N, C-alpha and C. Protein backbone atom coordinates (compact mmCIF):
# COMPACT_ATOMS: atom_id res chain seq x y z
N UNK A 1 90.75 94.77 115.44
CA UNK A 1 91.57 93.68 115.88
C UNK A 1 92.60 93.31 114.84
N UNK A 2 93.79 92.93 115.25
CA UNK A 2 94.81 92.53 114.38
C UNK A 2 95.58 91.32 114.94
N UNK A 3 95.97 90.42 114.09
CA UNK A 3 96.82 89.29 114.47
C UNK A 3 98.24 89.61 114.04
N UNK A 4 99.12 89.89 115.06
CA UNK A 4 100.44 90.26 114.76
C UNK A 4 101.31 89.14 114.26
N UNK A 5 102.39 89.48 113.56
CA UNK A 5 103.30 88.46 113.03
C UNK A 5 104.17 87.88 114.15
N UNK A 6 104.00 88.48 115.36
CA UNK A 6 104.67 87.91 116.56
C UNK A 6 103.82 86.83 117.25
N UNK A 7 102.67 86.49 116.61
CA UNK A 7 101.82 85.42 117.09
C UNK A 7 100.82 85.88 118.17
N UNK A 8 100.80 87.16 118.48
CA UNK A 8 99.90 87.75 119.47
C UNK A 8 98.67 88.33 118.82
N UNK A 9 97.61 88.43 119.59
CA UNK A 9 96.34 89.09 119.15
C UNK A 9 96.33 90.51 119.71
N UNK A 10 95.97 91.47 118.90
CA UNK A 10 95.89 92.88 119.30
C UNK A 10 94.53 93.44 119.08
N UNK A 11 94.05 94.17 120.08
CA UNK A 11 92.78 94.88 119.98
C UNK A 11 93.05 96.33 120.33
N UNK A 12 92.35 97.25 119.64
CA UNK A 12 92.49 98.68 119.94
C UNK A 12 91.13 99.28 120.13
N UNK A 13 91.00 100.11 121.15
CA UNK A 13 89.73 100.73 121.56
C UNK A 13 89.84 102.21 121.47
N UNK A 14 89.11 102.84 120.59
CA UNK A 14 89.14 104.30 120.43
C UNK A 14 88.53 104.95 121.68
N UNK A 15 89.20 106.01 122.20
CA UNK A 15 88.65 106.70 123.36
C UNK A 15 89.29 108.03 123.51
N UNK A 16 88.68 108.92 124.28
CA UNK A 16 89.18 110.23 124.55
C UNK A 16 89.37 110.40 126.05
N UNK A 17 90.48 111.04 126.49
CA UNK A 17 91.52 111.68 125.66
C UNK A 17 92.56 110.66 125.15
N UNK A 18 92.56 109.42 125.69
CA UNK A 18 93.53 108.45 125.20
C UNK A 18 92.83 107.14 124.88
N UNK A 19 93.36 106.46 123.94
CA UNK A 19 92.81 105.15 123.54
C UNK A 19 93.66 104.06 124.19
N UNK A 20 93.12 102.83 124.15
CA UNK A 20 93.79 101.70 124.80
C UNK A 20 93.99 100.55 123.77
N UNK A 21 95.09 99.87 123.93
CA UNK A 21 95.38 98.71 123.15
C UNK A 21 95.52 97.50 124.09
N UNK A 22 95.14 96.35 123.61
CA UNK A 22 95.24 95.11 124.37
C UNK A 22 96.03 94.10 123.58
N UNK A 23 97.08 93.52 124.15
CA UNK A 23 97.76 92.35 123.54
C UNK A 23 97.58 91.18 124.38
N UNK A 24 97.27 90.05 123.73
CA UNK A 24 97.04 88.78 124.46
C UNK A 24 97.44 87.62 123.58
N UNK A 25 97.62 86.48 124.23
CA UNK A 25 97.90 85.27 123.49
C UNK A 25 96.60 84.77 122.83
N UNK A 26 96.76 83.84 121.89
CA UNK A 26 95.58 83.36 121.18
C UNK A 26 94.62 82.62 122.06
N UNK A 27 95.09 82.15 123.20
CA UNK A 27 94.21 81.43 124.15
C UNK A 27 93.61 82.42 125.18
N UNK A 28 93.88 83.70 124.99
CA UNK A 28 93.32 84.73 125.89
C UNK A 28 94.17 85.05 127.10
N UNK A 29 95.30 84.39 127.29
CA UNK A 29 96.11 84.63 128.42
C UNK A 29 97.14 85.74 128.20
N UNK A 30 97.89 86.07 129.26
CA UNK A 30 98.99 87.04 129.16
C UNK A 30 98.52 88.36 128.61
N UNK A 31 97.47 88.93 129.18
CA UNK A 31 96.92 90.20 128.69
C UNK A 31 97.76 91.37 129.15
N UNK A 32 97.95 92.29 128.23
CA UNK A 32 98.74 93.51 128.51
C UNK A 32 98.04 94.68 127.85
N UNK A 33 97.74 95.75 128.62
CA UNK A 33 97.15 96.95 128.11
C UNK A 33 98.18 98.05 127.93
N UNK A 34 97.91 98.96 127.01
CA UNK A 34 98.78 100.10 126.81
C UNK A 34 98.01 101.28 126.23
N UNK A 35 98.52 102.53 126.45
CA UNK A 35 97.92 103.69 125.84
C UNK A 35 98.48 103.92 124.48
N UNK A 36 97.61 104.22 123.50
CA UNK A 36 98.06 104.31 122.09
C UNK A 36 97.31 105.46 121.38
N UNK A 37 97.47 106.69 121.75
CA UNK A 37 96.92 107.79 121.02
C UNK A 37 95.48 108.05 121.33
N UNK A 38 94.81 108.73 120.37
CA UNK A 38 93.46 109.17 120.64
C UNK A 38 92.40 108.68 119.62
N UNK A 39 92.81 108.28 118.43
CA UNK A 39 91.79 107.89 117.44
C UNK A 39 92.32 106.76 116.53
N UNK A 40 92.76 105.65 117.11
CA UNK A 40 93.27 104.54 116.26
C UNK A 40 92.15 103.76 115.64
N UNK A 41 92.34 103.35 114.39
CA UNK A 41 91.38 102.56 113.71
C UNK A 41 91.81 101.14 113.44
N UNK A 42 93.18 100.93 113.50
CA UNK A 42 93.72 99.57 113.24
C UNK A 42 95.03 99.43 113.97
N UNK A 43 95.38 98.13 114.21
CA UNK A 43 96.61 97.83 114.97
C UNK A 43 97.17 96.52 114.46
N UNK A 44 98.51 96.42 114.47
CA UNK A 44 99.21 95.20 114.08
C UNK A 44 100.60 95.19 114.68
N UNK A 45 101.35 94.14 114.47
CA UNK A 45 102.76 94.04 114.98
C UNK A 45 103.55 93.22 114.00
N UNK A 46 104.85 93.52 113.91
CA UNK A 46 105.71 92.68 113.05
C UNK A 46 106.29 91.54 113.92
N UNK A 47 107.09 90.70 113.30
CA UNK A 47 107.59 89.51 113.99
C UNK A 47 108.48 89.88 115.16
N UNK A 48 109.10 91.03 115.18
CA UNK A 48 109.94 91.46 116.28
C UNK A 48 109.14 92.07 117.45
N UNK A 49 107.83 92.16 117.26
CA UNK A 49 106.98 92.69 118.31
C UNK A 49 106.82 94.20 118.28
N UNK A 50 107.30 94.86 117.25
CA UNK A 50 107.05 96.27 117.10
C UNK A 50 105.61 96.50 116.66
N UNK A 51 104.90 97.35 117.37
CA UNK A 51 103.50 97.56 117.17
C UNK A 51 103.26 98.83 116.34
N UNK A 52 102.26 98.80 115.49
CA UNK A 52 101.89 99.97 114.70
C UNK A 52 100.37 100.18 114.82
N UNK A 53 99.99 101.42 115.00
CA UNK A 53 98.57 101.75 115.03
C UNK A 53 98.30 102.78 113.94
N UNK A 54 97.11 102.71 113.33
CA UNK A 54 96.69 103.65 112.30
C UNK A 54 95.79 104.72 113.00
N UNK A 55 96.32 105.94 113.17
CA UNK A 55 95.60 107.02 113.82
C UNK A 55 94.89 107.87 112.75
N UNK A 56 93.59 107.93 112.90
CA UNK A 56 92.78 108.71 111.89
C UNK A 56 92.44 110.08 112.46
N UNK A 57 91.47 110.69 111.85
CA UNK A 57 90.96 112.01 112.20
C UNK A 57 92.08 113.09 112.09
N UNK A 58 92.23 113.95 113.08
CA UNK A 58 93.18 115.08 112.89
C UNK A 58 94.61 114.61 112.93
N UNK A 59 94.92 113.48 113.59
CA UNK A 59 96.30 112.99 113.65
C UNK A 59 96.80 112.45 112.37
N UNK A 60 95.92 111.73 111.65
CA UNK A 60 96.21 111.06 110.34
C UNK A 60 97.68 110.65 110.22
N UNK A 61 98.03 109.62 111.02
CA UNK A 61 99.42 109.14 111.02
C UNK A 61 99.47 107.66 111.41
N UNK A 62 100.61 107.06 111.25
CA UNK A 62 100.90 105.73 111.83
C UNK A 62 101.88 105.96 112.99
N UNK A 63 101.48 105.42 114.14
CA UNK A 63 102.34 105.49 115.31
C UNK A 63 102.98 104.11 115.59
N UNK A 64 104.18 104.13 116.05
CA UNK A 64 104.92 102.88 116.38
C UNK A 64 105.23 102.81 117.85
N UNK A 65 105.17 101.55 118.40
CA UNK A 65 105.32 101.33 119.82
C UNK A 65 106.16 100.10 120.04
N UNK A 66 106.94 100.05 121.12
CA UNK A 66 107.63 98.85 121.46
C UNK A 66 106.74 97.85 122.20
N UNK A 67 107.29 96.76 122.62
CA UNK A 67 106.44 95.73 123.25
C UNK A 67 105.83 96.18 124.55
N UNK A 68 106.35 97.23 125.18
CA UNK A 68 105.81 97.77 126.39
C UNK A 68 104.96 98.98 126.14
N UNK A 69 104.60 99.24 124.89
CA UNK A 69 103.81 100.38 124.43
C UNK A 69 104.44 101.69 124.71
N UNK A 70 105.77 101.73 124.69
CA UNK A 70 106.50 102.98 124.66
C UNK A 70 106.61 103.53 123.21
N UNK A 71 106.46 104.82 123.01
CA UNK A 71 106.48 105.30 121.62
C UNK A 71 107.85 105.20 120.95
N UNK A 72 107.84 104.85 119.64
CA UNK A 72 109.07 104.69 118.88
C UNK A 72 109.15 105.74 117.78
N UNK A 73 108.08 106.36 117.43
CA UNK A 73 108.09 107.30 116.33
C UNK A 73 106.74 107.26 115.59
N UNK A 74 106.63 108.06 114.56
CA UNK A 74 105.38 108.13 113.76
C UNK A 74 105.71 108.65 112.38
N UNK A 75 104.75 108.36 111.48
CA UNK A 75 104.76 108.91 110.10
C UNK A 75 103.39 109.52 109.86
N UNK A 76 103.39 110.83 109.47
CA UNK A 76 102.10 111.54 109.40
C UNK A 76 101.77 112.01 107.97
N UNK A 77 102.32 111.34 106.97
CA UNK A 77 102.11 111.77 105.60
C UNK A 77 100.84 111.15 105.02
N UNK A 78 99.73 111.40 105.64
CA UNK A 78 98.41 110.90 105.17
C UNK A 78 97.43 112.05 105.10
N UNK A 79 96.49 111.98 104.14
CA UNK A 79 95.60 113.06 103.87
C UNK A 79 94.22 112.87 104.47
N UNK A 80 93.75 113.87 105.17
CA UNK A 80 92.33 113.95 105.59
C UNK A 80 91.84 115.36 105.37
N UNK A 81 90.50 115.50 105.13
CA UNK A 81 89.98 116.85 104.94
C UNK A 81 88.46 116.75 105.06
N UNK A 82 87.83 117.92 105.11
CA UNK A 82 86.35 117.93 105.15
C UNK A 82 85.77 117.35 103.85
N UNK A 83 86.48 117.62 102.73
CA UNK A 83 86.01 117.16 101.45
C UNK A 83 86.10 115.63 101.28
N UNK A 84 87.27 115.11 101.71
CA UNK A 84 87.52 113.68 101.49
C UNK A 84 87.05 112.83 102.65
N UNK A 85 87.27 113.27 103.85
CA UNK A 85 86.94 112.46 105.06
C UNK A 85 88.08 112.39 105.98
N UNK A 86 87.93 111.73 107.12
CA UNK A 86 88.92 111.72 108.17
C UNK A 86 89.29 110.29 108.57
N UNK A 87 89.22 109.33 107.64
CA UNK A 87 89.46 107.93 107.99
C UNK A 87 90.79 107.40 107.42
N UNK A 88 91.72 108.30 107.14
CA UNK A 88 93.02 107.85 106.66
C UNK A 88 94.09 108.08 107.77
N UNK A 89 95.02 107.14 107.94
CA UNK A 89 95.13 105.84 107.26
C UNK A 89 94.09 104.87 107.81
N UNK A 90 93.35 104.22 106.94
CA UNK A 90 92.25 103.32 107.34
C UNK A 90 92.75 101.96 107.78
N UNK A 91 94.00 101.63 107.52
CA UNK A 91 94.55 100.28 107.88
C UNK A 91 96.04 100.36 107.89
N UNK A 92 96.67 99.47 108.67
CA UNK A 92 98.09 99.31 108.68
C UNK A 92 98.38 97.80 108.78
N UNK A 93 99.35 97.30 108.03
CA UNK A 93 99.72 95.92 107.97
C UNK A 93 101.20 95.72 108.08
N UNK A 94 101.64 94.67 108.70
CA UNK A 94 103.04 94.31 108.81
C UNK A 94 103.43 93.30 107.68
N UNK A 95 104.49 93.55 107.00
CA UNK A 95 104.98 92.60 106.00
C UNK A 95 105.97 91.65 106.57
N UNK A 96 106.31 90.58 105.81
CA UNK A 96 107.26 89.60 106.23
C UNK A 96 108.65 90.28 106.48
N UNK A 97 108.92 91.31 105.77
CA UNK A 97 110.20 92.01 105.87
C UNK A 97 110.35 92.74 107.20
N UNK A 98 109.29 92.94 107.93
CA UNK A 98 109.29 93.76 109.13
C UNK A 98 108.86 95.18 108.92
N UNK A 99 108.76 95.59 107.64
CA UNK A 99 108.25 96.91 107.30
C UNK A 99 106.72 96.92 107.41
N UNK A 100 106.17 98.13 107.53
CA UNK A 100 104.74 98.26 107.62
C UNK A 100 104.14 98.98 106.43
N UNK A 101 102.89 98.67 106.09
CA UNK A 101 102.21 99.25 104.99
C UNK A 101 100.91 99.89 105.53
N UNK A 102 100.64 101.13 105.08
CA UNK A 102 99.43 101.82 105.54
C UNK A 102 98.79 102.47 104.29
N UNK A 103 97.47 102.46 104.27
CA UNK A 103 96.70 102.96 103.14
C UNK A 103 96.41 104.44 103.30
N UNK A 104 96.73 105.23 102.27
CA UNK A 104 96.39 106.64 102.23
C UNK A 104 95.34 106.78 101.11
N UNK A 105 94.13 106.35 101.43
CA UNK A 105 93.15 106.09 100.37
C UNK A 105 92.71 107.30 99.60
N UNK A 106 92.68 108.47 100.22
CA UNK A 106 92.16 109.67 99.53
C UNK A 106 93.19 110.18 98.46
N UNK A 107 94.42 109.69 98.58
CA UNK A 107 95.40 110.01 97.53
C UNK A 107 95.74 108.75 96.70
N UNK A 108 94.90 107.70 96.86
CA UNK A 108 95.06 106.49 96.04
C UNK A 108 96.48 105.95 96.09
N UNK A 109 96.98 105.71 97.32
CA UNK A 109 98.28 105.22 97.45
C UNK A 109 98.44 104.48 98.78
N UNK A 110 99.51 103.67 98.84
CA UNK A 110 99.92 102.99 100.06
C UNK A 110 101.32 103.43 100.41
N UNK A 111 101.58 103.62 101.70
CA UNK A 111 102.95 104.00 102.17
C UNK A 111 103.58 102.80 102.85
N UNK A 112 104.83 102.49 102.48
CA UNK A 112 105.62 101.56 103.23
C UNK A 112 106.47 102.31 104.19
N UNK A 113 106.34 102.04 105.52
CA UNK A 113 106.90 102.92 106.53
C UNK A 113 107.55 102.04 107.62
N UNK A 114 108.37 102.69 108.48
CA UNK A 114 108.95 102.03 109.62
C UNK A 114 109.16 103.03 110.72
N UNK A 115 109.55 102.57 111.94
CA UNK A 115 109.65 103.48 113.12
C UNK A 115 110.77 104.55 112.91
N UNK A 116 111.73 104.29 112.03
CA UNK A 116 112.77 105.27 111.80
C UNK A 116 112.33 106.45 110.98
N UNK A 117 111.09 106.45 110.53
CA UNK A 117 110.54 107.57 109.72
C UNK A 117 110.74 107.39 108.25
N UNK A 118 111.33 106.27 107.80
CA UNK A 118 111.46 106.01 106.39
C UNK A 118 110.09 105.81 105.75
N UNK A 119 109.89 106.25 104.55
CA UNK A 119 108.66 106.00 103.87
C UNK A 119 108.91 105.83 102.37
N UNK A 120 108.12 104.95 101.81
CA UNK A 120 108.18 104.70 100.36
C UNK A 120 106.74 104.77 99.82
N UNK A 121 106.50 105.61 98.84
CA UNK A 121 105.15 105.83 98.32
C UNK A 121 104.86 104.83 97.20
N UNK A 122 103.76 104.14 97.30
CA UNK A 122 103.29 103.18 96.28
C UNK A 122 101.99 103.75 95.74
N UNK A 123 102.01 104.34 94.54
CA UNK A 123 100.79 104.87 93.92
C UNK A 123 99.99 103.75 93.33
N UNK A 124 98.70 103.70 93.65
CA UNK A 124 97.83 102.66 93.17
C UNK A 124 97.33 103.08 91.78
N UNK A 125 97.79 102.43 90.72
CA UNK A 125 97.47 102.80 89.34
C UNK A 125 96.61 101.77 88.66
N UNK A 126 95.66 102.27 87.94
CA UNK A 126 94.87 101.42 87.04
C UNK A 126 93.65 100.76 87.60
N UNK A 127 93.19 101.06 88.87
CA UNK A 127 91.98 100.39 89.33
C UNK A 127 90.74 100.86 88.56
N UNK A 128 89.65 100.11 88.50
CA UNK A 128 88.44 100.51 87.83
C UNK A 128 87.86 101.78 88.46
N UNK A 129 87.06 102.51 87.71
CA UNK A 129 86.52 103.76 88.18
C UNK A 129 85.69 103.63 89.47
N UNK A 130 84.97 102.49 89.56
CA UNK A 130 84.12 102.32 90.77
C UNK A 130 84.92 102.03 92.02
N UNK A 131 86.26 101.76 91.87
CA UNK A 131 87.07 101.47 93.01
C UNK A 131 87.71 102.75 93.60
N UNK A 132 87.44 103.90 93.04
CA UNK A 132 87.98 105.11 93.53
C UNK A 132 87.45 105.36 94.93
N UNK A 133 88.34 105.78 95.86
CA UNK A 133 87.91 105.93 97.25
C UNK A 133 86.86 107.00 97.47
N UNK A 134 85.92 106.67 98.35
CA UNK A 134 84.91 107.61 98.81
C UNK A 134 85.23 107.90 100.26
N UNK A 135 84.37 108.71 100.87
CA UNK A 135 84.57 108.98 102.29
C UNK A 135 84.47 107.66 103.10
N UNK A 136 85.31 107.49 104.06
CA UNK A 136 85.28 106.24 104.85
C UNK A 136 86.60 105.54 104.77
N UNK A 137 86.67 104.46 105.54
CA UNK A 137 87.90 103.68 105.63
C UNK A 137 88.08 102.74 104.42
N UNK A 138 89.30 102.28 104.26
CA UNK A 138 89.61 101.26 103.23
C UNK A 138 90.45 100.20 103.91
N UNK A 139 90.08 98.93 103.70
CA UNK A 139 90.86 97.81 104.25
C UNK A 139 92.07 97.53 103.40
N UNK A 140 93.11 96.98 104.03
CA UNK A 140 94.36 96.68 103.36
C UNK A 140 94.97 95.37 103.85
N UNK A 141 95.51 94.61 102.91
CA UNK A 141 96.33 93.39 103.27
C UNK A 141 97.51 93.39 102.34
N UNK A 142 98.59 92.77 102.82
CA UNK A 142 99.83 92.73 102.03
C UNK A 142 100.38 91.29 102.05
N UNK A 143 100.92 90.86 100.91
CA UNK A 143 101.63 89.57 100.83
C UNK A 143 102.88 89.81 100.02
N UNK A 144 104.00 90.12 100.76
CA UNK A 144 105.22 90.49 100.05
C UNK A 144 105.79 89.37 99.21
N UNK A 145 105.75 88.14 99.70
CA UNK A 145 106.31 87.02 98.91
C UNK A 145 105.54 86.81 97.62
N UNK A 146 104.25 87.11 97.62
CA UNK A 146 103.40 86.96 96.46
C UNK A 146 103.34 88.20 95.60
N UNK A 147 104.07 89.27 96.00
CA UNK A 147 104.04 90.55 95.27
C UNK A 147 102.60 91.07 95.11
N UNK A 148 101.93 91.16 96.27
CA UNK A 148 100.53 91.61 96.16
C UNK A 148 100.16 92.58 97.33
N UNK A 149 99.38 93.58 96.91
CA UNK A 149 98.63 94.43 97.82
C UNK A 149 97.14 94.29 97.53
N UNK A 150 96.33 94.24 98.59
CA UNK A 150 94.89 94.08 98.43
C UNK A 150 94.21 95.23 99.15
N UNK A 151 93.26 95.87 98.50
CA UNK A 151 92.49 96.95 99.12
C UNK A 151 91.02 96.73 98.87
N UNK A 152 90.19 97.11 99.87
CA UNK A 152 88.75 96.96 99.77
C UNK A 152 88.08 98.11 100.53
N UNK A 153 87.06 98.69 99.93
CA UNK A 153 86.40 99.83 100.57
C UNK A 153 84.91 99.83 100.27
N UNK A 154 84.28 101.04 100.46
CA UNK A 154 82.82 101.15 100.34
C UNK A 154 82.34 101.02 98.90
N UNK A 155 83.23 100.98 97.91
CA UNK A 155 82.80 100.92 96.55
C UNK A 155 82.30 99.55 96.13
N UNK A 156 82.51 98.54 96.95
CA UNK A 156 82.03 97.19 96.62
C UNK A 156 82.96 96.41 95.69
N UNK A 157 84.22 96.75 95.64
CA UNK A 157 85.18 96.00 94.84
C UNK A 157 86.45 95.76 95.71
N UNK A 158 87.06 94.60 95.54
CA UNK A 158 88.35 94.28 96.19
C UNK A 158 89.42 94.27 95.08
N UNK A 159 90.44 95.13 95.23
CA UNK A 159 91.41 95.24 94.20
C UNK A 159 92.73 94.54 94.58
N UNK A 160 93.30 93.85 93.60
CA UNK A 160 94.57 93.17 93.77
C UNK A 160 95.61 93.93 92.93
N UNK A 161 96.71 94.32 93.56
CA UNK A 161 97.76 95.06 92.88
C UNK A 161 99.11 94.43 93.22
N UNK A 162 100.11 94.71 92.38
CA UNK A 162 101.47 94.32 92.71
C UNK A 162 102.02 95.32 93.74
N UNK A 163 103.21 95.01 94.30
CA UNK A 163 103.82 95.83 95.32
C UNK A 163 104.25 97.18 94.78
N UNK A 164 104.30 97.36 93.46
CA UNK A 164 104.57 98.70 92.90
C UNK A 164 103.30 99.47 92.61
N UNK A 165 102.14 98.87 93.01
CA UNK A 165 100.85 99.63 92.89
C UNK A 165 100.09 99.35 91.62
N UNK A 166 100.64 98.53 90.69
CA UNK A 166 99.95 98.27 89.45
C UNK A 166 98.75 97.35 89.65
N UNK A 167 97.58 97.81 89.19
CA UNK A 167 96.35 96.98 89.38
C UNK A 167 96.43 95.75 88.53
N UNK A 168 96.06 94.60 89.09
CA UNK A 168 96.08 93.38 88.37
C UNK A 168 94.69 92.74 88.21
N UNK A 169 93.89 92.71 89.27
CA UNK A 169 92.60 92.03 89.21
C UNK A 169 91.61 92.70 90.14
N UNK A 170 90.33 92.48 89.86
CA UNK A 170 89.23 93.02 90.66
C UNK A 170 88.31 91.87 91.03
N UNK A 171 87.91 91.84 92.29
CA UNK A 171 86.90 90.88 92.79
C UNK A 171 85.73 91.73 93.23
N UNK A 172 84.55 91.50 92.67
CA UNK A 172 83.41 92.34 92.94
C UNK A 172 82.60 91.75 94.12
N UNK A 173 82.17 92.62 95.03
CA UNK A 173 81.40 92.22 96.21
C UNK A 173 81.86 93.05 97.39
N UNK A 174 80.88 93.35 98.23
CA UNK A 174 81.15 94.19 99.42
C UNK A 174 81.76 93.39 100.51
N UNK A 175 83.02 93.74 100.87
CA UNK A 175 83.71 93.05 101.98
C UNK A 175 83.06 93.40 103.30
N UNK A 176 82.96 92.47 104.20
CA UNK A 176 82.27 92.67 105.45
C UNK A 176 83.10 93.58 106.37
N UNK A 177 82.42 94.24 107.29
CA UNK A 177 83.09 95.01 108.34
C UNK A 177 82.93 96.48 108.11
N UNK A 178 82.81 97.24 109.21
CA UNK A 178 82.69 98.73 109.12
C UNK A 178 83.91 99.37 108.52
N UNK A 179 85.07 98.75 108.74
CA UNK A 179 86.31 99.27 108.11
C UNK A 179 86.77 98.40 106.95
N UNK A 180 85.86 97.51 106.47
CA UNK A 180 86.12 96.67 105.31
C UNK A 180 87.40 95.77 105.49
N UNK A 181 87.43 95.27 106.73
CA UNK A 181 88.61 94.42 107.08
C UNK A 181 88.26 92.93 107.11
N UNK A 182 87.10 92.56 106.54
CA UNK A 182 86.67 91.15 106.56
C UNK A 182 87.31 90.29 105.49
N UNK A 183 88.61 90.45 105.33
CA UNK A 183 89.35 89.59 104.39
C UNK A 183 90.76 89.48 104.87
N UNK A 184 91.46 88.45 104.47
CA UNK A 184 92.85 88.29 104.85
C UNK A 184 93.60 87.56 103.75
N UNK A 185 94.90 87.71 103.78
CA UNK A 185 95.75 87.09 102.77
C UNK A 185 96.96 86.38 103.44
N UNK A 186 97.26 85.22 102.90
CA UNK A 186 98.41 84.46 103.37
C UNK A 186 99.68 85.03 102.66
N UNK A 187 100.83 84.66 103.15
CA UNK A 187 102.07 85.21 102.59
C UNK A 187 102.27 84.74 101.13
N UNK A 188 101.66 83.63 100.75
CA UNK A 188 101.74 83.21 99.34
C UNK A 188 100.61 83.75 98.49
N UNK A 189 99.84 84.68 99.05
CA UNK A 189 98.87 85.45 98.24
C UNK A 189 97.48 84.94 98.20
N UNK A 190 97.17 83.82 98.89
CA UNK A 190 95.77 83.33 98.87
C UNK A 190 94.89 84.19 99.74
N UNK A 191 93.74 84.51 99.21
CA UNK A 191 92.76 85.38 99.90
C UNK A 191 91.61 84.63 100.44
N UNK A 192 91.16 84.98 101.66
CA UNK A 192 89.91 84.51 102.22
C UNK A 192 89.07 85.73 102.47
N UNK A 193 87.87 85.77 101.85
CA UNK A 193 87.04 86.96 101.86
C UNK A 193 85.65 86.63 102.45
N UNK A 194 85.26 87.37 103.44
CA UNK A 194 83.90 87.32 103.98
C UNK A 194 83.15 88.50 103.41
N UNK A 195 82.04 88.20 102.72
CA UNK A 195 81.25 89.25 102.08
C UNK A 195 80.14 89.71 102.99
N UNK A 196 79.82 91.01 102.94
CA UNK A 196 78.82 91.59 103.80
C UNK A 196 77.45 90.95 103.62
N UNK A 197 76.78 90.74 104.71
CA UNK A 197 75.37 90.22 104.65
C UNK A 197 75.32 88.76 104.38
N UNK A 198 76.44 88.06 104.41
CA UNK A 198 76.43 86.61 104.15
C UNK A 198 77.23 85.87 105.20
N UNK A 199 77.13 84.56 105.22
CA UNK A 199 77.98 83.71 106.04
C UNK A 199 78.93 82.94 105.14
N UNK A 200 79.23 83.55 103.98
CA UNK A 200 80.03 82.90 102.93
C UNK A 200 81.48 83.44 103.00
N UNK A 201 82.44 82.55 103.01
CA UNK A 201 83.84 82.86 102.85
C UNK A 201 84.33 82.26 101.54
N UNK A 202 84.87 83.13 100.71
CA UNK A 202 85.37 82.67 99.43
C UNK A 202 86.87 82.72 99.40
N UNK A 203 87.50 81.78 98.72
CA UNK A 203 88.95 81.64 98.65
C UNK A 203 89.41 81.93 97.26
N UNK A 204 90.42 82.83 97.12
CA UNK A 204 90.95 83.20 95.83
C UNK A 204 92.48 83.02 95.81
N UNK A 205 93.04 82.81 94.60
CA UNK A 205 94.48 82.78 94.52
C UNK A 205 95.00 84.21 94.19
N UNK A 206 96.28 84.36 94.06
CA UNK A 206 96.90 85.70 93.87
C UNK A 206 96.53 86.35 92.54
N UNK A 207 95.96 85.55 91.64
CA UNK A 207 95.50 86.08 90.36
C UNK A 207 93.98 86.44 90.37
N UNK A 208 93.35 86.28 91.53
CA UNK A 208 91.93 86.64 91.62
C UNK A 208 91.02 85.51 91.15
N UNK A 209 91.53 84.31 91.02
CA UNK A 209 90.69 83.19 90.60
C UNK A 209 90.09 82.53 91.79
N UNK A 210 88.76 82.34 91.73
CA UNK A 210 88.06 81.74 92.89
C UNK A 210 88.35 80.24 92.92
N UNK A 211 88.77 79.75 94.13
CA UNK A 211 89.14 78.39 94.31
C UNK A 211 88.14 77.59 95.13
N UNK A 212 87.49 78.25 96.05
CA UNK A 212 86.61 77.52 97.00
C UNK A 212 85.62 78.49 97.60
N UNK A 213 84.56 77.91 98.19
CA UNK A 213 83.53 78.71 98.87
C UNK A 213 83.04 77.91 100.06
N UNK A 214 82.96 78.53 101.21
CA UNK A 214 82.53 77.84 102.38
C UNK A 214 81.51 78.66 103.15
N UNK A 215 80.57 77.98 103.81
CA UNK A 215 79.61 78.64 104.64
C UNK A 215 80.03 78.51 106.11
N UNK A 216 80.11 79.63 106.79
CA UNK A 216 80.58 79.64 108.19
C UNK A 216 79.33 79.71 109.09
N UNK A 217 79.22 78.78 110.02
CA UNK A 217 78.12 78.76 110.95
C UNK A 217 78.50 79.58 112.20
N UNK A 218 77.75 80.66 112.45
CA UNK A 218 77.99 81.50 113.57
C UNK A 218 76.78 81.50 114.52
N UNK A 219 77.06 81.48 115.78
CA UNK A 219 75.96 81.45 116.72
C UNK A 219 76.41 81.92 118.11
N UNK A 220 75.48 82.35 118.90
CA UNK A 220 75.80 82.77 120.25
C UNK A 220 75.85 81.56 121.20
N UNK A 221 76.83 81.56 122.13
CA UNK A 221 76.89 80.46 123.08
C UNK A 221 75.66 80.37 123.97
């Protein structure tokens, strides 16, 4: 699931031979379905309504779609292999600029991309040894105004880096979710993190300093 910068909610459902995406308003109305490839792991949209999906497995690319789910292009410069795994790109995020960011975790980098095929490589430098990617997905968030990239994966650490990939801080703890997407960042860099196995949400600033902790009550209706 992704919350687009266009104010819409997006869901993507992996399926063969084609997968489906759903766009809807936050109140659940105005639902629209579209076909979006064969193995998407993540979905988002920028403020103009351009949609991006992270296609894993053999495709290993980011696909772009217009508001009617017509294809706009793709970028396939992501690594997958038997040795590393097939979960790249594990996440795609839209920045305030309208550009998109996707994590190429097995090469320890993030790509800034757009539907025109432009790409800018951001090498992630200086993270602790335990943060090195293993097989599996890696979650990603971006806050351009705060000059921050955030990544979290199966290693049990959440890394804060600048937009040029320089590591700044580490928050220890396993982020919730099968794709380690249980965290989010505001445009000014504040982080809200849900840790696996807990009902705890912790709030951090852009320097990795803990500001608050809240317990979320979840229950079935």
